[in-house]
N, C-alpha and C. Protein backbone atom coordinates (compact mmCIF):
# COMPACT_ATOMS: atom_id res chain seq x y z
N MET A 1 97.41 156.08 103.23
CA MET A 1 96.15 155.71 102.64
C MET A 1 95.30 155.02 103.72
N SER A 2 94.03 155.35 103.75
CA SER A 2 93.16 154.76 104.77
C SER A 2 92.90 153.29 104.47
N GLU A 3 92.50 152.58 105.49
CA GLU A 3 92.22 151.16 105.33
C GLU A 3 91.02 150.94 104.40
N LYS A 4 90.03 151.82 104.49
CA LYS A 4 88.84 151.71 103.66
C LYS A 4 89.21 151.84 102.17
N LYS A 5 90.06 152.80 101.86
CA LYS A 5 90.46 153.01 100.47
C LYS A 5 91.34 151.87 99.97
N SER A 6 92.24 151.39 100.80
CA SER A 6 93.11 150.29 100.36
C SER A 6 92.30 149.02 100.11
N LYS A 7 91.25 148.78 100.89
CA LYS A 7 90.40 147.61 100.65
C LYS A 7 89.63 147.75 99.34
N ARG A 8 89.14 148.96 99.07
CA ARG A 8 88.42 149.20 97.82
C ARG A 8 89.33 148.99 96.62
N LEU A 9 90.56 149.49 96.71
CA LEU A 9 91.50 149.33 95.61
C LEU A 9 91.91 147.87 95.41
N ARG A 10 91.98 147.10 96.50
CA ARG A 10 92.29 145.67 96.39
C ARG A 10 91.16 144.96 95.66
N ARG A 11 89.90 145.28 96.00
CA ARG A 11 88.75 144.67 95.31
C ARG A 11 88.77 145.05 93.83
N ALA A 12 89.11 146.28 93.53
CA ALA A 12 89.15 146.74 92.14
C ALA A 12 90.23 145.99 91.35
N ARG A 13 91.39 145.80 91.97
CA ARG A 13 92.47 145.08 91.31
C ARG A 13 92.07 143.65 90.96
N LYS A 14 91.40 142.99 91.90
CA LYS A 14 90.96 141.61 91.67
C LYS A 14 89.95 141.53 90.53
N ALA A 15 89.00 142.43 90.53
CA ALA A 15 87.97 142.43 89.49
C ALA A 15 88.58 142.73 88.11
N ARG A 16 89.50 143.67 88.06
CA ARG A 16 90.13 144.00 86.77
C ARG A 16 90.98 142.86 86.25
N ALA A 17 91.59 142.11 87.14
CA ALA A 17 92.38 140.94 86.71
C ALA A 17 91.47 139.90 86.08
N ARG A 18 90.28 139.69 86.66
CA ARG A 18 89.32 138.74 86.08
C ARG A 18 88.82 139.23 84.73
N LEU A 19 88.57 140.52 84.60
CA LEU A 19 88.11 141.07 83.32
C LEU A 19 89.18 140.95 82.25
N ARG A 20 90.44 141.09 82.63
CA ARG A 20 91.53 140.97 81.68
C ARG A 20 91.60 139.56 81.09
N LEU A 21 91.27 138.55 81.88
CA LEU A 21 91.28 137.17 81.40
C LEU A 21 90.24 136.94 80.31
N HIS A 22 89.10 137.62 80.40
CA HIS A 22 88.02 137.43 79.44
C HIS A 22 88.24 138.20 78.14
N ARG A 23 89.21 139.12 78.13
CA ARG A 23 89.55 139.91 76.94
C ARG A 23 88.34 140.67 76.39
N LYS A 24 87.60 141.32 77.28
CA LYS A 24 86.45 142.13 76.89
C LYS A 24 86.75 143.60 77.13
N ASN A 25 86.03 144.45 76.42
CA ASN A 25 86.03 145.87 76.78
C ASN A 25 85.39 145.98 78.15
N ARG A 26 85.83 146.95 78.95
CA ARG A 26 85.23 147.08 80.28
C ARG A 26 84.65 148.46 80.48
N LEU A 27 83.50 148.47 81.14
CA LEU A 27 82.83 149.71 81.51
C LEU A 27 83.31 150.05 82.91
N CYS A 28 84.19 151.05 83.00
CA CYS A 28 84.78 151.46 84.27
C CYS A 28 84.00 152.67 84.81
N VAL A 29 83.52 152.55 86.04
CA VAL A 29 82.72 153.59 86.66
C VAL A 29 83.50 154.21 87.81
N THR A 30 83.57 155.52 87.84
CA THR A 30 84.21 156.26 88.92
C THR A 30 83.19 157.25 89.45
N ARG A 31 83.15 157.40 90.77
CA ARG A 31 82.19 158.33 91.33
C ARG A 31 82.87 159.23 92.35
N SER A 32 82.36 160.44 92.44
CA SER A 32 82.75 161.37 93.49
C SER A 32 81.46 161.84 94.14
N SER A 33 81.56 162.73 95.08
CA SER A 33 80.34 163.20 95.74
C SER A 33 79.50 164.08 94.82
N LYS A 34 80.12 164.72 93.84
CA LYS A 34 79.39 165.64 92.96
C LYS A 34 79.13 165.09 91.56
N HIS A 35 79.89 164.11 91.09
CA HIS A 35 79.77 163.63 89.71
C HIS A 35 79.93 162.12 89.65
N ILE A 36 79.54 161.57 88.49
CA ILE A 36 79.80 160.16 88.19
C ILE A 36 80.33 160.09 86.77
N TYR A 37 81.34 159.27 86.58
CA TYR A 37 82.03 159.16 85.30
C TYR A 37 82.00 157.71 84.85
N ALA A 38 81.83 157.49 83.53
CA ALA A 38 81.86 156.14 82.98
C ALA A 38 82.68 156.17 81.70
N GLN A 39 83.51 155.15 81.54
CA GLN A 39 84.26 155.04 80.30
C GLN A 39 84.40 153.58 79.92
N ILE A 40 84.39 153.33 78.63
CA ILE A 40 84.61 151.98 78.12
C ILE A 40 86.05 151.94 77.65
N ILE A 41 86.80 150.98 78.23
CA ILE A 41 88.23 150.88 78.00
C ILE A 41 88.51 149.60 77.22
N SER A 42 89.47 149.65 76.32
CA SER A 42 89.82 148.50 75.49
C SER A 42 90.34 147.35 76.36
N PRO A 43 90.31 146.11 75.85
CA PRO A 43 90.73 144.96 76.66
C PRO A 43 92.17 145.04 77.17
N ASP A 44 93.06 145.66 76.39
CA ASP A 44 94.44 145.78 76.85
C ASP A 44 94.63 146.93 77.84
N GLY A 45 93.63 147.78 77.99
CA GLY A 45 93.68 148.87 78.96
C GLY A 45 94.41 150.10 78.47
N GLU A 46 94.74 150.15 77.20
CA GLU A 46 95.53 151.26 76.69
C GLU A 46 94.71 152.42 76.14
N LYS A 47 93.47 152.15 75.69
CA LYS A 47 92.69 153.21 75.05
C LYS A 47 91.31 153.31 75.68
N THR A 48 90.85 154.55 75.83
CA THR A 48 89.46 154.79 76.20
C THR A 48 88.68 154.91 74.91
N LEU A 49 87.70 154.02 74.73
CA LEU A 49 86.95 153.99 73.48
C LEU A 49 85.77 154.97 73.51
N VAL A 50 85.06 155.01 74.63
CA VAL A 50 83.87 155.85 74.78
C VAL A 50 83.82 156.35 76.22
N SER A 51 83.33 157.57 76.42
CA SER A 51 83.19 158.07 77.78
C SER A 51 81.95 158.95 77.91
N ALA A 52 81.47 159.06 79.14
CA ALA A 52 80.34 159.94 79.47
C ALA A 52 80.45 160.30 80.94
N SER A 53 80.00 161.49 81.29
CA SER A 53 80.03 161.90 82.69
C SER A 53 79.05 163.04 82.94
N THR A 54 78.78 163.28 84.20
CA THR A 54 77.89 164.37 84.57
C THR A 54 78.59 165.72 84.48
N SER A 55 79.87 165.73 84.24
CA SER A 55 80.58 167.00 84.13
C SER A 55 80.54 167.56 82.69
N GLU A 56 79.92 166.83 81.76
CA GLU A 56 79.76 167.33 80.40
C GLU A 56 78.75 168.47 80.38
N ALA A 57 78.94 169.42 79.51
CA ALA A 57 78.12 170.63 79.50
C ALA A 57 76.63 170.35 79.32
N GLU A 58 76.27 169.49 78.37
CA GLU A 58 74.84 169.26 78.12
C GLU A 58 74.17 168.48 79.25
N LEU A 59 74.90 167.59 79.91
CA LEU A 59 74.32 166.89 81.06
C LEU A 59 74.22 167.81 82.27
N ARG A 60 75.20 168.68 82.44
CA ARG A 60 75.13 169.65 83.55
C ARG A 60 73.92 170.56 83.40
N ALA A 61 73.60 170.93 82.16
CA ALA A 61 72.44 171.79 81.91
C ALA A 61 71.14 171.05 82.18
N ALA A 62 71.11 169.74 81.92
CA ALA A 62 69.89 168.96 82.10
C ALA A 62 69.67 168.54 83.54
N LEU A 63 70.70 168.53 84.35
CA LEU A 63 70.60 168.04 85.73
C LEU A 63 70.71 169.17 86.73
N LYS A 64 70.03 168.97 87.84
CA LYS A 64 70.15 169.91 88.95
C LYS A 64 71.41 169.62 89.76
N PHE A 65 71.70 168.32 89.95
CA PHE A 65 72.85 167.87 90.74
C PHE A 65 73.42 166.62 90.09
N GLY A 66 74.71 166.51 89.98
CA GLY A 66 75.34 165.40 89.28
C GLY A 66 75.69 164.21 90.14
N GLY A 67 75.41 164.24 91.43
CA GLY A 67 75.83 163.16 92.30
C GLY A 67 74.69 162.33 92.85
N ASN A 68 73.62 162.13 92.04
CA ASN A 68 72.51 161.32 92.54
C ASN A 68 72.16 160.21 91.54
N ILE A 69 71.15 159.41 91.89
CA ILE A 69 70.77 158.26 91.07
C ILE A 69 70.22 158.70 89.71
N GLU A 70 69.48 159.78 89.68
CA GLU A 70 68.94 160.29 88.42
C GLU A 70 70.08 160.61 87.44
N ALA A 71 71.11 161.23 87.93
CA ALA A 71 72.27 161.57 87.09
C ALA A 71 72.98 160.30 86.61
N ALA A 72 73.09 159.30 87.48
CA ALA A 72 73.74 158.05 87.11
C ALA A 72 72.97 157.34 86.00
N LYS A 73 71.64 157.41 86.06
CA LYS A 73 70.83 156.79 85.00
C LYS A 73 71.07 157.48 83.66
N LEU A 74 71.15 158.80 83.67
CA LEU A 74 71.42 159.53 82.43
C LEU A 74 72.79 159.18 81.85
N VAL A 75 73.79 159.07 82.70
CA VAL A 75 75.13 158.71 82.24
C VAL A 75 75.12 157.28 81.69
N GLY A 76 74.37 156.38 82.32
CA GLY A 76 74.26 155.00 81.83
C GLY A 76 73.66 154.91 80.45
N THR A 77 72.58 155.65 80.22
CA THR A 77 71.98 155.62 78.88
C THR A 77 72.89 156.30 77.86
N ARG A 78 73.56 157.38 78.26
CA ARG A 78 74.45 158.10 77.34
C ARG A 78 75.63 157.21 76.93
N ILE A 79 76.22 156.48 77.89
CA ILE A 79 77.37 155.62 77.56
C ILE A 79 76.93 154.47 76.66
N ALA A 80 75.72 153.95 76.87
CA ALA A 80 75.21 152.86 76.02
C ALA A 80 74.97 153.34 74.60
N GLU A 81 74.41 154.53 74.45
CA GLU A 81 74.19 155.09 73.12
C GLU A 81 75.51 155.28 72.38
N ARG A 82 76.49 155.84 73.07
CA ARG A 82 77.79 156.08 72.43
C ARG A 82 78.50 154.76 72.11
N ALA A 83 78.31 153.76 72.94
CA ALA A 83 78.92 152.44 72.68
C ALA A 83 78.30 151.81 71.43
N LYS A 84 76.99 151.93 71.30
CA LYS A 84 76.33 151.38 70.12
C LYS A 84 76.80 152.08 68.85
N GLU A 85 77.01 153.40 68.93
CA GLU A 85 77.53 154.14 67.77
C GLU A 85 78.92 153.64 67.39
N SER A 86 79.70 153.21 68.38
CA SER A 86 81.04 152.70 68.13
C SER A 86 81.05 151.19 67.88
N LYS A 87 79.86 150.60 67.75
CA LYS A 87 79.69 149.16 67.47
C LYS A 87 80.23 148.28 68.60
N ILE A 88 80.04 148.73 69.83
CA ILE A 88 80.40 147.93 71.01
C ILE A 88 79.11 147.39 71.59
N GLU A 89 78.99 146.07 71.66
CA GLU A 89 77.75 145.45 72.13
C GLU A 89 77.91 144.80 73.51
N GLU A 90 79.05 144.17 73.75
CA GLU A 90 79.24 143.40 74.98
C GLU A 90 80.44 143.92 75.75
N ILE A 91 80.24 144.10 77.06
CA ILE A 91 81.30 144.64 77.91
C ILE A 91 81.31 143.94 79.25
N GLY A 92 82.40 144.10 79.96
CA GLY A 92 82.49 143.66 81.35
C GLY A 92 82.33 144.89 82.24
N PHE A 93 81.73 144.71 83.41
CA PHE A 93 81.44 145.84 84.28
C PHE A 93 82.50 145.94 85.37
N ASP A 94 83.22 147.07 85.38
CA ASP A 94 84.25 147.34 86.38
C ASP A 94 83.72 148.43 87.30
N ARG A 95 83.37 148.07 88.51
CA ARG A 95 82.75 149.02 89.44
C ARG A 95 83.79 149.69 90.33
N SER A 96 85.05 149.50 90.04
CA SER A 96 86.16 150.15 90.75
C SER A 96 86.19 149.85 92.24
N GLY A 97 85.74 148.67 92.61
CA GLY A 97 85.77 148.25 94.01
C GLY A 97 84.61 148.74 94.84
N HIS A 98 83.71 149.54 94.25
CA HIS A 98 82.55 150.03 94.99
C HIS A 98 81.48 148.94 95.04
N ARG A 99 80.59 149.02 96.05
CA ARG A 99 79.49 148.07 96.14
C ARG A 99 78.53 148.28 94.98
N TYR A 100 77.92 147.20 94.53
CA TYR A 100 76.92 147.28 93.48
C TYR A 100 75.61 147.72 94.13
N HIS A 101 75.49 149.03 94.30
CA HIS A 101 74.39 149.59 95.07
C HIS A 101 74.27 151.07 94.71
N GLY A 102 73.07 151.61 94.78
CA GLY A 102 72.87 153.04 94.58
C GLY A 102 73.20 153.52 93.19
N ARG A 103 74.10 154.50 93.10
CA ARG A 103 74.44 155.12 91.82
C ARG A 103 75.12 154.15 90.86
N ILE A 104 75.97 153.26 91.40
CA ILE A 104 76.66 152.29 90.56
C ILE A 104 75.64 151.34 89.92
N LYS A 105 74.71 150.86 90.71
CA LYS A 105 73.67 149.96 90.21
C LYS A 105 72.77 150.67 89.21
N ALA A 106 72.39 151.90 89.48
CA ALA A 106 71.53 152.67 88.58
C ALA A 106 72.18 152.86 87.22
N LEU A 107 73.47 153.16 87.21
CA LEU A 107 74.19 153.34 85.95
C LEU A 107 74.22 152.04 85.16
N ALA A 108 74.53 150.93 85.81
CA ALA A 108 74.59 149.64 85.12
C ALA A 108 73.23 149.22 84.58
N ASP A 109 72.18 149.40 85.38
CA ASP A 109 70.84 149.03 84.93
C ASP A 109 70.39 149.88 83.75
N ALA A 110 70.69 151.17 83.78
CA ALA A 110 70.33 152.04 82.66
C ALA A 110 71.08 151.67 81.40
N ALA A 111 72.33 151.29 81.52
CA ALA A 111 73.11 150.86 80.34
C ALA A 111 72.55 149.57 79.77
N ARG A 112 72.13 148.65 80.64
CA ARG A 112 71.52 147.40 80.18
C ARG A 112 70.21 147.68 79.44
N GLU A 113 69.37 148.54 80.02
CA GLU A 113 68.09 148.87 79.39
C GLU A 113 68.29 149.55 78.03
N ALA A 114 69.37 150.29 77.89
CA ALA A 114 69.65 150.98 76.63
C ALA A 114 70.29 150.05 75.59
N GLY A 115 70.56 148.79 75.96
CA GLY A 115 71.00 147.83 74.96
C GLY A 115 72.39 147.24 75.12
N LEU A 116 73.14 147.61 76.14
CA LEU A 116 74.46 147.02 76.34
C LEU A 116 74.32 145.68 77.05
N ALA A 117 75.13 144.71 76.65
CA ALA A 117 75.17 143.41 77.33
C ALA A 117 76.29 143.46 78.36
N ILE A 118 75.90 143.57 79.63
CA ILE A 118 76.89 143.63 80.71
C ILE A 118 76.92 142.30 81.40
């Protein structure tokens, strides 16, 4: 494993440990070069309550490319809408060790604007 990846995973582990202490649902964001994925996971980490991604058929049809800021904003609003339907109002943000910048930031801001308390 590269040093860059091991450092990212260490940051992710630390952040998830802090979120576990607060006993909140967490919005976990994963990104690749072509897609971005978001899921809300229960406090114990056993169940995925809500998910959204650019690999879904209707989002793929609406987007030209799934790996940019525009796509991240759509996924952010979609995850917030689905969370509200499931009566989830407050969550902790798990950025998986990535910097809070670019697509990660766009997704979080869009979810906040759509009504989630992050």
